[in-house]
Amino acid sequence: MARRTLALVVHAAFVSAAFSIAVLTGGASHQSAALSLDVDEPGESETATPLPPPEPEPWAFDPEPLLAGPAVAVASSRTLVPTELRNPMRRLDRTPEEAALDALNLTRIQRAQADEVLARHQSWLDECMRQDLEPLERLLEARSSAATEEGRRLGVALYEQVMVVPESTVAVGVGGRSSLREALARVVSETCSVEFLRLVHDYESAAVADEVAQARDRKQVLPPTRALARIRLAAVAISLRRSFERQVAGRGARSADVLEAIDPWHEQDSNVRKPLEQLRDRVEVPNGRDWYDVAARVLPSLSREQRTTFARILFGVSPVDTAPQ
């Protein structure tokens, strides 16, 4: 009897709870519907308040946004110095004088006069190369001892010998030679002349600072004067290489013919025969750059007679025959 009474009480409790939940749910629904009707539209005397615009992201106007690298200041004036981050500094593939001319807004007449100076410089350099391969030999010697004071002295002397131009009487009123830089500065306007010299000076200064910094990274000390000699020796190398290539262009010299004509000795197998055989096996008729690279390797080991033969085949002229007496 007690168990039956307990069951009835539990059942009644469940029924009562279910009824209460249904009543509460229905009432909430009706109340929600009434509220939605009350606020659906504003009345005639009411105005809707617009939502405020979304606030910008905190980095939207940040001059240094997230994940940005270090800022690099770009000079407002013309410059030959690369502005991108790079170590070591990217060097010019031509002389700084030529690059400076291209950076200036020269008139057509000024550009023509500058090109005429460059052409005289190239013709004079080509003539020197045909007469004697000594400038190229001195370049190789200066490069091999670039880390010494003797190398600096050789580089300075070679720069003063190569980077000159024969002056016409029209240009300066007298004969003789002047540096390529001075000759170019004279044929442009006074304003452009100042800018031209500044561009070249700034490039050399930046390159010197880069050379010194690289030496410091290697735990070495490089005096600025020696660093400047290296920079200018690079300009000499560019000028001599292009002159060499101009002499060889169109000659069609075959590598096998040069090897046979030079006929290296047994002692020259590694320094002369091997480079020439490698060139012969790679290309039958090398271009000017190929011959220049090989000449830089074999020239120091050639005898006077072999050097004459080498130049005669490549340039079509014997340095000994055309050398001034």
C-alpha atoms as a PDB file:
ATOM      1  CA  MET A   1       0.000   0.000   0.000  1.00  0.00           C
ATOM      2  CA  ALA A   2       2.833   2.414   0.877  1.00  0.00           C
ATOM      3  CA  ARG A   3       4.626   1.708  -2.428  1.00  0.00           C
ATOM      4  CA  ARG A   4       1.422   2.443  -4.434  1.00  0.00           C
ATOM      5  CA  THR A   5       0.921   5.742  -2.589  1.00  0.00           C
ATOM      6  CA  LEU A   6       4.588   6.772  -3.315  1.00  0.00           C
ATOM      7  CA  ALA A   7       4.161   6.030  -7.038  1.00  0.00           C
ATOM      8  CA  LEU A   8       1.039   8.178  -7.287  1.00  0.00           C
ATOM      9  CA  VAL A   9       2.793  11.085  -5.590  1.00  0.00           C
ATOM     10  CA  VAL A  10       5.785  10.914  -7.967  1.00  0.00           C
ATOM     11  CA  HIS A  11       3.492  10.738 -11.033  1.00  0.00           C
ATOM     12  CA  ALA A  12       1.537  13.773  -9.866  1.00  0.00           C
ATOM     13  CA  ALA A  13       4.753  15.717  -9.380  1.00  0.00           C
ATOM     14  CA  PHE A  14       5.912  15.007 -12.968  1.00  0.00           C
ATOM     15  CA  VAL A  15       2.543  16.095 -14.404  1.00  0.00           C
ATOM     16  CA  SER A  16       2.619  19.305 -12.405  1.00  0.00           C
ATOM     17  CA  ALA A  17       6.133  20.146 -13.549  1.00  0.00           C
ATOM     18  CA  ALA A  18       5.316  19.567 -17.211  1.00  0.00           C
ATOM     19  CA  PHE A  19       2.284  21.809 -16.999  1.00  0.00           C
ATOM     20  CA  SER A  20       4.279  24.597 -15.393  1.00  0.00           C
ATOM     21  CA  ILE A  21       6.960  24.499 -18.147  1.00  0.00           C
ATOM     22  CA  ALA A  22       4.295  24.692 -20.885  1.00  0.00           C
ATOM     23  CA  VAL A  23       2.662  27.707 -19.309  1.00  0.00           C
ATOM     24  CA  LEU A  24       5.936  29.555 -18.878  1.00  0.00           C
ATOM     25  CA  THR A  25       7.065  28.871 -22.458  1.00  0.00           C
ATOM     26  CA  GLY A  26       3.827  30.049 -24.015  1.00  0.00           C
ATOM     27  CA  GLY A  27       3.819  33.237 -21.994  1.00  0.00           C
ATOM     28  CA  ALA A  28       7.394  34.096 -22.965  1.00  0.00           C
ATOM     29  CA  SER A  29       6.603  33.652 -26.669  1.00  0.00           C
ATOM     30  CA  HIS A  30       3.636  36.027 -26.502  1.00  0.00           C
ATOM     31  CA  GLN A  31       5.684  38.579 -24.585  1.00  0.00           C
ATOM     32  CA  SER A  32       8.542  38.388 -27.135  1.00  0.00           C
ATOM     33  CA  ALA A  33       6.129  38.932 -30.010  1.00  0.00           C
ATOM     34  CA  ALA A  34       4.639  41.975 -28.284  1.00  0.00           C
ATOM     35  CA  LEU A  35       8.045  43.501 -27.707  1.00  0.00           C
ATOM     36  CA  SER A  36       9.080  43.013 -31.338  1.00  0.00           C
ATOM     37  CA  LEU A  37       5.991  44.869 -32.546  1.00  0.00           C
ATOM     38  CA  ASP A  38       6.654  47.760 -30.161  1.00  0.00           C
ATOM     39  CA  VAL A  39      10.230  48.472 -31.494  1.00  0.00           C
ATOM     40  CA  ASP A  40       9.972  47.398 -35.132  1.00  0.00           C
ATOM     41  CA  GLU A  41       9.647  50.868 -36.660  1.00  0.00           C
ATOM     42  CA  PRO A  42      10.181  54.341 -35.125  1.00  0.00           C
ATOM     43  CA  GLY A  43       7.198  56.584 -34.823  1.00  0.00           C
ATOM     44  CA  GLU A  44       6.652  59.838 -36.715  1.00  0.00           C
ATOM     45  CA  SER A  45       8.217  61.872 -33.901  1.00  0.00           C
ATOM     46  CA  GLU A  46      11.150  59.513 -33.578  1.00  0.00           C
ATOM     47  CA  THR A  47      14.355  59.347 -35.574  1.00  0.00           C
ATOM     48  CA  ALA A  48      16.535  56.291 -36.010  1.00  0.00           C
ATOM     49  CA  THR A  49      20.012  56.536 -34.552  1.00  0.00           C
ATOM     50  CA  PRO A  50      22.532  55.278 -37.171  1.00  0.00           C
ATOM     51  CA  LEU A  51      25.135  52.753 -36.115  1.00  0.00           C
ATOM     52  CA  PRO A  52      28.608  54.221 -35.702  1.00  0.00           C
ATOM     53  CA  PRO A  53      31.105  53.313 -38.467  1.00  0.00           C
ATOM     54  CA  PRO A  54      33.489  50.469 -37.634  1.00  0.00           C
ATOM     55  CA  GLU A  55      36.728  51.637 -36.143  1.00  0.00           C
ATOM     56  CA  PRO A  56      39.807  51.083 -38.358  1.00  0.00           C
ATOM     57  CA  GLU A  57      42.279  48.419 -37.468  1.00  0.00           C
ATOM     58  CA  PRO A  58      44.977  49.821 -35.167  1.00  0.00           C
ATOM     59  CA  TRP A  59      47.673  49.317 -37.824  1.00  0.00           C
ATOM     60  CA  ALA A  60      45.723  50.761 -40.767  1.00  0.00           C
ATOM     61  CA  PHE A  61      47.489  54.140 -40.617  1.00  0.00           C
ATOM     62  CA  ASP A  62      50.687  53.010 -38.932  1.00  0.00           C
ATOM     63  CA  PRO A  63      53.687  54.398 -40.876  1.00  0.00           C
ATOM     64  CA  GLU A  64      55.588  51.263 -39.834  1.00  0.00           C
ATOM     65  CA  PRO A  65      53.056  48.433 -40.269  1.00  0.00           C
ATOM     66  CA  LEU A  66      53.433  45.016 -38.742  1.00  0.00           C
ATOM     67  CA  LEU A  67      56.038  42.726 -40.305  1.00  0.00           C
ATOM     68  CA  ALA A  68      57.658  45.656 -42.123  1.00  0.00           C
ATOM     69  CA  GLY A  69      61.406  45.483 -42.502  1.00  0.00           C
ATOM     70  CA  PRO A  70      63.753  48.284 -41.492  1.00  0.00           C
ATOM     71  CA  ALA A  71      63.125  51.493 -43.388  1.00  0.00           C
ATOM     72  CA  VAL A  72      65.721  52.453 -45.998  1.00  0.00           C
ATOM     73  CA  ALA A  73      66.190  56.131 -46.625  1.00  0.00           C
ATOM     74  CA  VAL A  74      66.150  56.953 -50.340  1.00  0.00           C
ATOM     75  CA  ALA A  75      68.026  60.078 -51.291  1.00  0.00           C
ATOM     76  CA  SER A  76      65.976  62.696 -53.076  1.00  0.00           C
ATOM     77  CA  SER A  77      68.879  63.587 -55.380  1.00  0.00           C
ATOM     78  CA  ARG A  78      70.434  61.398 -58.023  1.00  0.00           C
ATOM     79  CA  THR A  79      72.829  58.749 -56.816  1.00  0.00           C
ATOM     80  CA  LEU A  80      74.890  55.870 -58.154  1.00  0.00           C
ATOM     81  CA  VAL A  81      74.836  54.159 -54.759  1.00  0.00           C
ATOM     82  CA  PRO A  82      72.240  51.338 -54.549  1.00  0.00           C
ATOM     83  CA  THR A  83      69.553  52.159 -51.971  1.00  0.00           C
ATOM     84  CA  GLU A  84      68.481  48.571 -51.271  1.00  0.00           C
ATOM     85  CA  LEU A  85      69.804  46.653 -48.301  1.00  0.00           C
ATOM     86  CA  ARG A  86      72.698  44.549 -49.508  1.00  0.00           C
ATOM     87  CA  ASN A  87      75.985  43.403 -48.097  1.00  0.00           C
ATOM     88  CA  PRO A  88      78.379  43.717 -49.797  1.00  0.00           C
ATOM     89  CA  MET A  89      77.316  46.748 -51.811  1.00  0.00           C
ATOM     90  CA  ARG A  90      76.379  46.003 -55.400  1.00  0.00           C
ATOM     91  CA  ARG A  91      79.056  47.465 -57.670  1.00  0.00           C
ATOM     92  CA  LEU A  92      78.676  49.059 -61.078  1.00  0.00           C
ATOM     93  CA  ASP A  93      79.304  46.961 -64.179  1.00  0.00           C
ATOM     94  CA  ARG A  94      80.803  50.021 -65.939  1.00  0.00           C
ATOM     95  CA  THR A  95      82.935  52.949 -64.911  1.00  0.00           C
ATOM     96  CA  PRO A  96      81.350  55.446 -62.487  1.00  0.00           C
ATOM     97  CA  GLU A  97      81.974  58.195 -65.049  1.00  0.00           C
ATOM     98  CA  GLU A  98      79.782  56.443 -67.611  1.00  0.00           C
ATOM     99  CA  ALA A  99      77.070  55.777 -65.036  1.00  0.00           C
ATOM    100  CA  ALA A 100      77.118  59.409 -63.908  1.00  0.00           C
ATOM    101  CA  LEU A 101      76.630  60.639 -67.482  1.00  0.00           C
ATOM    102  CA  ASP A 102      73.557  58.445 -67.867  1.00  0.00           C
ATOM    103  CA  ALA A 103      72.136  59.765 -64.592  1.00  0.00           C
ATOM    104  CA  LEU A 104      72.306  63.418 -65.716  1.00  0.00           C
ATOM    105  CA  ASN A 105      69.752  65.263 -67.832  1.00  0.00           C
ATOM    106  CA  LEU A 106      72.200  66.307 -70.520  1.00  0.00           C
ATOM    107  CA  THR A 107      71.181  68.133 -73.631  1.00  0.00           C
ATOM    108  CA  ARG A 108      71.682  66.416 -76.954  1.00  0.00           C
ATOM    109  CA  ILE A 109      74.745  68.549 -77.668  1.00  0.00           C
ATOM    110  CA  GLN A 110      76.269  67.879 -74.235  1.00  0.00           C
ATOM    111  CA  ARG A 111      75.683  64.142 -74.598  1.00  0.00           C
ATOM    112  CA  ALA A 112      77.268  64.136 -78.043  1.00  0.00           C
ATOM    113  CA  GLN A 113      80.346  65.942 -76.697  1.00  0.00           C
ATOM    114  CA  ALA A 114      80.608  63.479 -73.794  1.00  0.00           C
ATOM    115  CA  ASP A 115      80.305  60.518 -76.167  1.00  0.00           C
ATOM    116  CA  GLU A 116      83.075  61.994 -78.303  1.00  0.00           C
ATOM    117  CA  VAL A 117      85.362  62.096 -75.231  1.00  0.00           C
ATOM    118  CA  LEU A 118      84.496  58.466 -74.416  1.00  0.00           C
ATOM    119  CA  ALA A 119      85.197  57.450 -78.013  1.00  0.00           C
ATOM    120  CA  ARG A 120      88.651  59.105 -77.940  1.00  0.00           C
ATOM    121  CA  HIS A 121      89.421  57.338 -74.695  1.00  0.00           C
ATOM    122  CA  GLN A 122      88.422  53.957 -76.161  1.00  0.00           C
ATOM    123  CA  SER A 123      90.394  54.507 -79.383  1.00  0.00           C
ATOM    124  CA  TRP A 124      93.500  55.450 -77.431  1.00  0.00           C
ATOM    125  CA  LEU A 125      93.113  52.434 -75.140  1.00  0.00           C
ATOM    126  CA  ASP A 126      92.589  50.089 -78.107  1.00  0.00           C
ATOM    127  CA  GLU A 127      95.760  51.394 -79.707  1.00  0.00           C
ATOM    128  CA  CYS A 128      97.704  50.767 -76.501  1.00  0.00           C
ATOM    129  CA  MET A 129      96.350  47.227 -76.330  1.00  0.00           C
ATOM    130  CA  ARG A 130      97.338  46.497 -79.924  1.00  0.00           C
ATOM    131  CA  GLN A 131     100.837  47.837 -79.388  1.00  0.00           C
ATOM    132  CA  ASP A 132     101.556  46.019 -76.179  1.00  0.00           C
ATOM    133  CA  LEU A 133      99.737  43.752 -73.730  1.00  0.00           C
ATOM    134  CA  GLU A 134     101.626  45.395 -70.881  1.00  0.00           C
ATOM    135  CA  PRO A 135      98.529  47.179 -69.419  1.00  0.00           C
ATOM    136  CA  LEU A 136      96.786  43.837 -69.054  1.00  0.00           C
ATOM    137  CA  GLU A 137      99.895  42.289 -67.520  1.00  0.00           C
ATOM    138  CA  ARG A 138     100.197  45.151 -65.038  1.00  0.00           C
ATOM    139  CA  LEU A 139      96.533  44.732 -64.134  1.00  0.00           C
ATOM    140  CA  LEU A 140      97.113  41.061 -63.326  1.00  0.00           C
ATOM    141  CA  GLU A 141     100.189  41.958 -61.288  1.00  0.00           C
ATOM    142  CA  ALA A 142      98.312  44.616 -59.309  1.00  0.00           C
ATOM    143  CA  ARG A 143      95.453  42.224 -58.643  1.00  0.00           C
ATOM    144  CA  SER A 144      97.747  39.501 -57.372  1.00  0.00           C
ATOM    145  CA  SER A 145      99.297  41.870 -54.827  1.00  0.00           C
ATOM    146  CA  ALA A 146      96.187  43.940 -54.057  1.00  0.00           C
ATOM    147  CA  ALA A 147      96.462  43.269 -50.312  1.00  0.00           C
ATOM    148  CA  THR A 148      99.877  44.919 -50.079  1.00  0.00           C
ATOM    149  CA  GLU A 149     101.148  48.466 -50.291  1.00  0.00           C
ATOM    150  CA  GLU A 150     102.999  47.522 -53.468  1.00  0.00           C
ATOM    151  CA  GLY A 151      99.689  46.417 -54.980  1.00  0.00           C
ATOM    152  CA  ARG A 152      98.161  49.769 -54.071  1.00  0.00           C
ATOM    153  CA  ARG A 153     101.038  51.598 -55.726  1.00  0.00           C
ATOM    154  CA  LEU A 154     100.729  49.506 -58.889  1.00  0.00           C
ATOM    155  CA  GLY A 155      96.995  50.057 -58.998  1.00  0.00           C
ATOM    156  CA  VAL A 156      97.305  53.827 -58.658  1.00  0.00           C
ATOM    157  CA  ALA A 157      99.958  53.993 -61.384  1.00  0.00           C
ATOM    158  CA  LEU A 158      97.880  51.849 -63.740  1.00  0.00           C
ATOM    159  CA  TYR A 159      94.785  53.942 -63.125  1.00  0.00           C
ATOM    160  CA  GLU A 160      96.696  57.103 -64.017  1.00  0.00           C
ATOM    161  CA  GLN A 161      98.000  55.404 -67.154  1.00  0.00           C
ATOM    162  CA  VAL A 162      94.726  53.913 -68.423  1.00  0.00           C
ATOM    163  CA  MET A 163      91.945  56.274 -67.343  1.00  0.00           C
ATOM    164  CA  VAL A 164      93.103  59.176 -69.502  1.00  0.00           C
ATOM    165  CA  VAL A 165      92.066  60.628 -72.819  1.00  0.00           C
ATOM    166  CA  PRO A 166      94.133  62.425 -75.475  1.00  0.00           C
ATOM    167  CA  GLU A 167      92.921  66.022 -75.525  1.00  0.00           C
ATOM    168  CA  SER A 168      92.142  67.768 -78.779  1.00  0.00           C
ATOM    169  CA  THR A 169      93.203  71.388 -79.282  1.00  0.00           C
ATOM    170  CA  VAL A 170      89.534  72.318 -79.559  1.00  0.00           C
ATOM    171  CA  ALA A 171      88.781  71.039 -76.056  1.00  0.00           C
ATOM    172  CA  VAL A 172      91.505  72.701 -73.991  1.00  0.00           C
ATOM    173  CA  GLY A 173      93.596  74.708 -76.400  1.00  0.00           C
ATOM    174  CA  VAL A 174      96.660  72.495 -75.916  1.00  0.00           C
ATOM    175  CA  GLY A 175      97.661  68.962 -76.693  1.00  0.00           C
ATOM    176  CA  GLY A 176      98.475  66.200 -74.244  1.00  0.00           C
ATOM    177  CA  ARG A 177      96.301  64.062 -72.000  1.00  0.00           C
ATOM    178  CA  SER A 178      93.994  64.601 -69.086  1.00  0.00           C
ATOM    179  CA  SER A 179      92.071  62.245 -66.873  1.00  0.00           C
ATOM    180  CA  LEU A 180      88.867  60.863 -68.317  1.00  0.00           C
ATOM    181  CA  ARG A 181      86.932  62.339 -65.402  1.00  0.00           C
ATOM    182  CA  GLU A 182      88.267  65.860 -65.951  1.00  0.00           C
ATOM    183  CA  ALA A 183      87.700  65.688 -69.704  1.00  0.00           C
ATOM    184  CA  LEU A 184      84.064  64.671 -69.262  1.00  0.00           C
ATOM    185  CA  ALA A 185      83.423  67.340 -66.636  1.00  0.00           C
ATOM    186  CA  ARG A 186      84.623  70.025 -69.047  1.00  0.00           C
ATOM    187  CA  VAL A 187      82.196  69.203 -71.861  1.00  0.00           C
ATOM    188  CA  VAL A 188      78.985  69.504 -69.830  1.00  0.00           C
ATOM    189  CA  SER A 189      77.472  72.660 -68.362  1.00  0.00           C
ATOM    190  CA  GLU A 190      78.805  74.083 -65.109  1.00  0.00           C
ATOM    191  CA  THR A 191      75.775  72.853 -63.146  1.00  0.00           C
ATOM    192  CA  CYS A 192      75.965  69.379 -64.653  1.00  0.00           C
ATOM    193  CA  SER A 193      79.716  69.314 -64.076  1.00  0.00           C
ATOM    194  CA  VAL A 194      79.253  69.804 -60.333  1.00  0.00           C
ATOM    195  CA  GLU A 195      76.575  67.099 -60.222  1.00  0.00           C
ATOM    196  CA  PHE A 196      78.691  64.768 -62.359  1.00  0.00           C
ATOM    197  CA  LEU A 197      81.686  65.026 -60.013  1.00  0.00           C
ATOM    198  CA  ARG A 198      79.468  64.643 -56.946  1.00  0.00           C
ATOM    199  CA  LEU A 199      77.888  61.446 -58.287  1.00  0.00           C
ATOM    200  CA  VAL A 200      81.284  59.876 -58.971  1.00  0.00           C
ATOM    201  CA  HIS A 201      82.712  61.008 -55.628  1.00  0.00           C
ATOM    202  CA  ASP A 202      79.720  59.727 -53.635  1.00  0.00           C
ATOM    203  CA  TYR A 203      79.901  56.331 -55.343  1.00  0.00           C
ATOM    204  CA  GLU A 204      83.605  55.944 -54.663  1.00  0.00           C
ATOM    205  CA  SER A 205      83.147  57.043 -51.043  1.00  0.00           C
ATOM    206  CA  ALA A 206      80.368  54.507 -50.463  1.00  0.00           C
ATOM    207  CA  ALA A 207      82.381  51.750 -52.146  1.00  0.00           C
ATOM    208  CA  VAL A 208      85.438  52.560 -50.019  1.00  0.00           C
ATOM    209  CA  ALA A 209      83.340  52.429 -46.839  1.00  0.00           C
ATOM    210  CA  ASP A 210      81.966  49.061 -47.966  1.00  0.00           C
ATOM    211  CA  GLU A 211      85.449  47.675 -48.635  1.00  0.00           C
ATOM    212  CA  VAL A 212      86.637  48.810 -45.199  1.00  0.00           C
ATOM    213  CA  ALA A 213      83.564  47.276 -43.519  1.00  0.00           C
ATOM    214  CA  GLN A 214      84.083  43.948 -45.285  1.00  0.00           C
ATOM    215  CA  ALA A 215      87.711  43.882 -44.153  1.00  0.00           C
ATOM    216  CA  ARG A 216      86.590  44.627 -40.596  1.00  0.00           C
ATOM    217  CA  ASP A 217      84.168  41.690 -40.741  1.00  0.00           C
ATOM    218  CA  ARG A 218      87.138  39.504 -41.677  1.00  0.00           C
ATOM    219  CA  LYS A 219      89.060  40.868 -38.668  1.00  0.00           C
ATOM    220  CA  GLN A 220      91.370  42.787 -40.997  1.00  0.00           C
ATOM    221  CA  VAL A 221      92.380  46.414 -41.247  1.00  0.00           C
ATOM    222  CA  LEU A 222      92.105  48.037 -44.679  1.00  0.00           C
ATOM    223  CA  PRO A 223      93.292  51.655 -44.989  1.00  0.00           C
ATOM    224  CA  PRO A 224      90.870  53.820 -47.004  1.00  0.00           C
ATOM    225  CA  THR A 225      93.627  54.737 -49.465  1.00  0.00           C
ATOM    226  CA  ARG A 226      94.142  51.088 -50.305  1.00  0.00           C
ATOM    227  CA  ALA A 227      90.392  50.548 -50.550  1.00  0.00           C
ATOM    228  CA  LEU A 228      90.136  53.436 -53.031  1.00  0.00           C
ATOM    229  CA  ALA A 229      92.926  51.891 -55.093  1.00  0.00           C
ATOM    230  CA  ARG A 230      90.912  48.658 -55.284  1.00  0.00           C
ATOM    231  CA  ILE A 231      87.792  50.506 -56.411  1.00  0.00           C
ATOM    232  CA  ARG A 232      89.646  52.326 -59.152  1.00  0.00           C
ATOM    233  CA  LEU A 233      91.490  49.178 -60.183  1.00  0.00           C
ATOM    234  CA  ALA A 234      88.066  47.625 -60.818  1.00  0.00           C
ATOM    235  CA  ALA A 235      87.279  50.499 -63.211  1.00  0.00           C
ATOM    236  CA  VAL A 236      90.599  49.868 -64.967  1.00  0.00           C
ATOM    237  CA  ALA A 237      89.753  46.168 -65.298  1.00  0.00           C
ATOM    238  CA  ILE A 238      86.395  46.996 -66.901  1.00  0.00           C
ATOM    239  CA  SER A 239      88.040  49.345 -69.421  1.00  0.00           C
ATOM    240  CA  LEU A 240      90.828  46.908 -70.329  1.00  0.00           C
ATOM    241  CA  ARG A 241      88.452  43.969 -70.667  1.00  0.00           C
ATOM    242  CA  ARG A 242      86.189  45.842 -73.052  1.00  0.00           C
ATOM    243  CA  SER A 243      89.175  47.027 -75.067  1.00  0.00           C
ATOM    244  CA  PHE A 244      90.460  43.459 -75.305  1.00  0.00           C
ATOM    245  CA  GLU A 245      87.041  42.238 -76.415  1.00  0.00           C
ATOM    246  CA  ARG A 246      86.825  44.953 -79.088  1.00  0.00           C
ATOM    247  CA  GLN A 247      90.143  43.801 -80.563  1.00  0.00           C
ATOM    248  CA  VAL A 248      89.049  40.167 -80.689  1.00  0.00           C
ATOM    249  CA  ALA A 249      85.526  40.811 -82.015  1.00  0.00           C
ATOM    250  CA  GLY A 250      85.079  39.528 -85.542  1.00  0.00           C
ATOM    251  CA  ARG A 251      88.507  37.891 -85.739  1.00  0.00           C
ATOM    252  CA  GLY A 252      87.114  34.356 -85.381  1.00  0.00           C
ATOM    253  CA  ALA A 253      90.266  32.965 -83.774  1.00  0.00           C
ATOM    254  CA  ARG A 254      90.018  29.215 -83.190  1.00  0.00           C
ATOM    255  CA  SER A 255      91.142  27.891 -79.828  1.00  0.00           C
ATOM    256  CA  ALA A 256      92.861  24.902 -81.429  1.00  0.00           C
ATOM    257  CA  ASP A 257      94.948  27.197 -83.664  1.00  0.00           C
ATOM    258  CA  VAL A 258      96.090  29.288 -80.697  1.00  0.00           C
ATOM    259  CA  LEU A 259      97.058  26.192 -78.731  1.00  0.00           C
ATOM    260  CA  GLU A 260      99.033  24.786 -81.641  1.00  0.00           C
ATOM    261  CA  ALA A 261     100.777  28.093 -82.383  1.00  0.00           C
ATOM    262  CA  ILE A 262     101.819  28.751 -78.794  1.00  0.00           C
ATOM    263  CA  ASP A 263     102.982  25.157 -78.319  1.00  0.00           C
ATOM    264  CA  PRO A 264     103.332  25.240 -74.520  1.00  0.00           C
ATOM    265  CA  TRP A 265     106.374  23.691 -72.914  1.00  0.00           C
ATOM    266  CA  HIS A 266     106.170  20.860 -70.451  1.00  0.00           C
ATOM    267  CA  GLU A 267     106.629  23.306 -67.580  1.00  0.00           C
ATOM    268  CA  GLN A 268     103.598  25.274 -68.852  1.00  0.00           C
ATOM    269  CA  ASP A 269     101.183  22.348 -68.821  1.00  0.00           C
ATOM    270  CA  SER A 270      99.150  23.507 -65.823  1.00  0.00           C
ATOM    271  CA  ASN A 271      99.230  27.281 -66.390  1.00  0.00           C
ATOM    272  CA  VAL A 272      99.003  27.444 -70.185  1.00  0.00           C
ATOM    273  CA  ARG A 273      98.201  24.139 -71.873  1.00  0.00           C
ATOM    274  CA  LYS A 274      95.391  23.126 -69.516  1.00  0.00           C
ATOM    275  CA  PRO A 275      93.377  26.390 -69.779  1.00  0.00           C
ATOM    276  CA  LEU A 276      93.736  26.410 -73.574  1.00  0.00           C
ATOM    277  CA  GLU A 277      92.729  22.754 -73.875  1.00  0.00           C
ATOM    278  CA  GLN A 278      89.710  23.364 -71.662  1.00  0.00           C
ATOM    279  CA  LEU A 279      88.690  26.251 -73.901  1.00  0.00           C
ATOM    280  CA  ARG A 280      89.244  24.167 -77.058  1.00  0.00           C
ATOM    281  CA  ASP A 281      87.102  21.331 -75.717  1.00  0.00           C
ATOM    282  CA  ARG A 282      84.319  23.739 -74.720  1.00  0.00           C
ATOM    283  CA  VAL A 283      84.047  25.969 -77.805  1.00  0.00           C
ATOM    284  CA  GLU A 284      85.725  25.989 -81.195  1.00  0.00           C
ATOM    285  CA  VAL A 285      85.530  29.741 -81.832  1.00  0.00           C
ATOM    286  CA  PRO A 286      85.460  31.560 -78.468  1.00  0.00           C
ATOM    287  CA  ASN A 287      84.014  35.038 -78.073  1.00  0.00           C
ATOM    288  CA  GLY A 288      85.869  38.037 -76.711  1.00  0.00           C
ATOM    289  CA  ARG A 289      84.968  37.379 -73.072  1.00  0.00           C
ATOM    290  CA  ASP A 290      86.154  33.762 -73.329  1.00  0.00           C
ATOM    291  CA  TRP A 291      89.497  34.877 -74.711  1.00  0.00           C
ATOM    292  CA  TYR A 292      89.868  37.568 -72.049  1.00  0.00           C
ATOM    293  CA  ASP A 293      89.283  35.070 -69.238  1.00  0.00           C
ATOM    294  CA  VAL A 294      91.840  32.684 -70.730  1.00  0.00           C
ATOM    295  CA  ALA A 295      94.354  35.493 -71.343  1.00  0.00           C
ATOM    296  CA  ALA A 296      94.101  36.483 -67.675  1.00  0.00           C
ATOM    297  CA  ARG A 297      95.128  32.930 -66.750  1.00  0.00           C
ATOM    298  CA  VAL A 298      97.877  32.228 -69.290  1.00  0.00           C
ATOM    299  CA  LEU A 299      99.491  35.616 -69.962  1.00  0.00           C
ATOM    300  CA  PRO A 300     101.729  35.734 -66.841  1.00  0.00           C
ATOM    301  CA  SER A 301     103.271  32.371 -67.832  1.00  0.00           C
ATOM    302  CA  LEU A 302     103.913  33.111 -71.528  1.00  0.00           C
ATOM    303  CA  SER A 303     107.336  33.961 -72.877  1.00  0.00           C
ATOM    304  CA  ARG A 304     107.822  37.112 -74.946  1.00  0.00           C
ATOM    305  CA  GLU A 305     107.655  35.112 -78.165  1.00  0.00           C
ATOM    306  CA  GLN A 306     104.535  33.238 -77.089  1.00  0.00           C
ATOM    307  CA  ARG A 307     102.825  36.481 -76.042  1.00  0.00           C
ATOM    308  CA  THR A 308     103.571  37.972 -79.461  1.00  0.00           C
ATOM    309  CA  THR A 309     102.071  34.909 -81.154  1.00  0.00           C
ATOM    310  CA  PHE A 310      99.044  35.037 -78.887  1.00  0.00           C
ATOM    311  CA  ALA A 311      98.353  38.707 -79.714  1.00  0.00           C
ATOM    312  CA  ARG A 312      98.997  38.244 -83.441  1.00  0.00           C
ATOM    313  CA  ILE A 313      96.364  35.524 -83.739  1.00  0.00           C
ATOM    314  CA  LEU A 314      93.776  37.245 -81.556  1.00  0.00           C
ATOM    315  CA  PHE A 315      94.294  40.868 -82.683  1.00  0.00           C
ATOM    316  CA  GLY A 316      95.717  40.304 -86.140  1.00  0.00           C
ATOM    317  CA  VAL A 317      98.808  42.340 -85.285  1.00  0.00           C
ATOM    318  CA  SER A 318     102.095  41.691 -83.532  1.00  0.00           C
ATOM    319  CA  PRO A 319     102.767  43.943 -80.513  1.00  0.00           C
ATOM    320  CA  VAL A 320     106.507  43.733 -81.102  1.00  0.00           C
ATOM    321  CA  ASP A 321     106.180  44.885 -84.720  1.00  0.00           C
ATOM    322  CA  THR A 322     103.986  47.883 -83.881  1.00  0.00           C
ATOM    323  CA  ALA A 323     105.568  48.942 -80.588  1.00  0.00           C
ATOM    324  CA  PRO A 324     107.031  52.459 -80.767  1.00  0.00           C
ATOM    325  CA  GLN A 325     110.824  52.530 -81.028  1.00  0.00           C
END
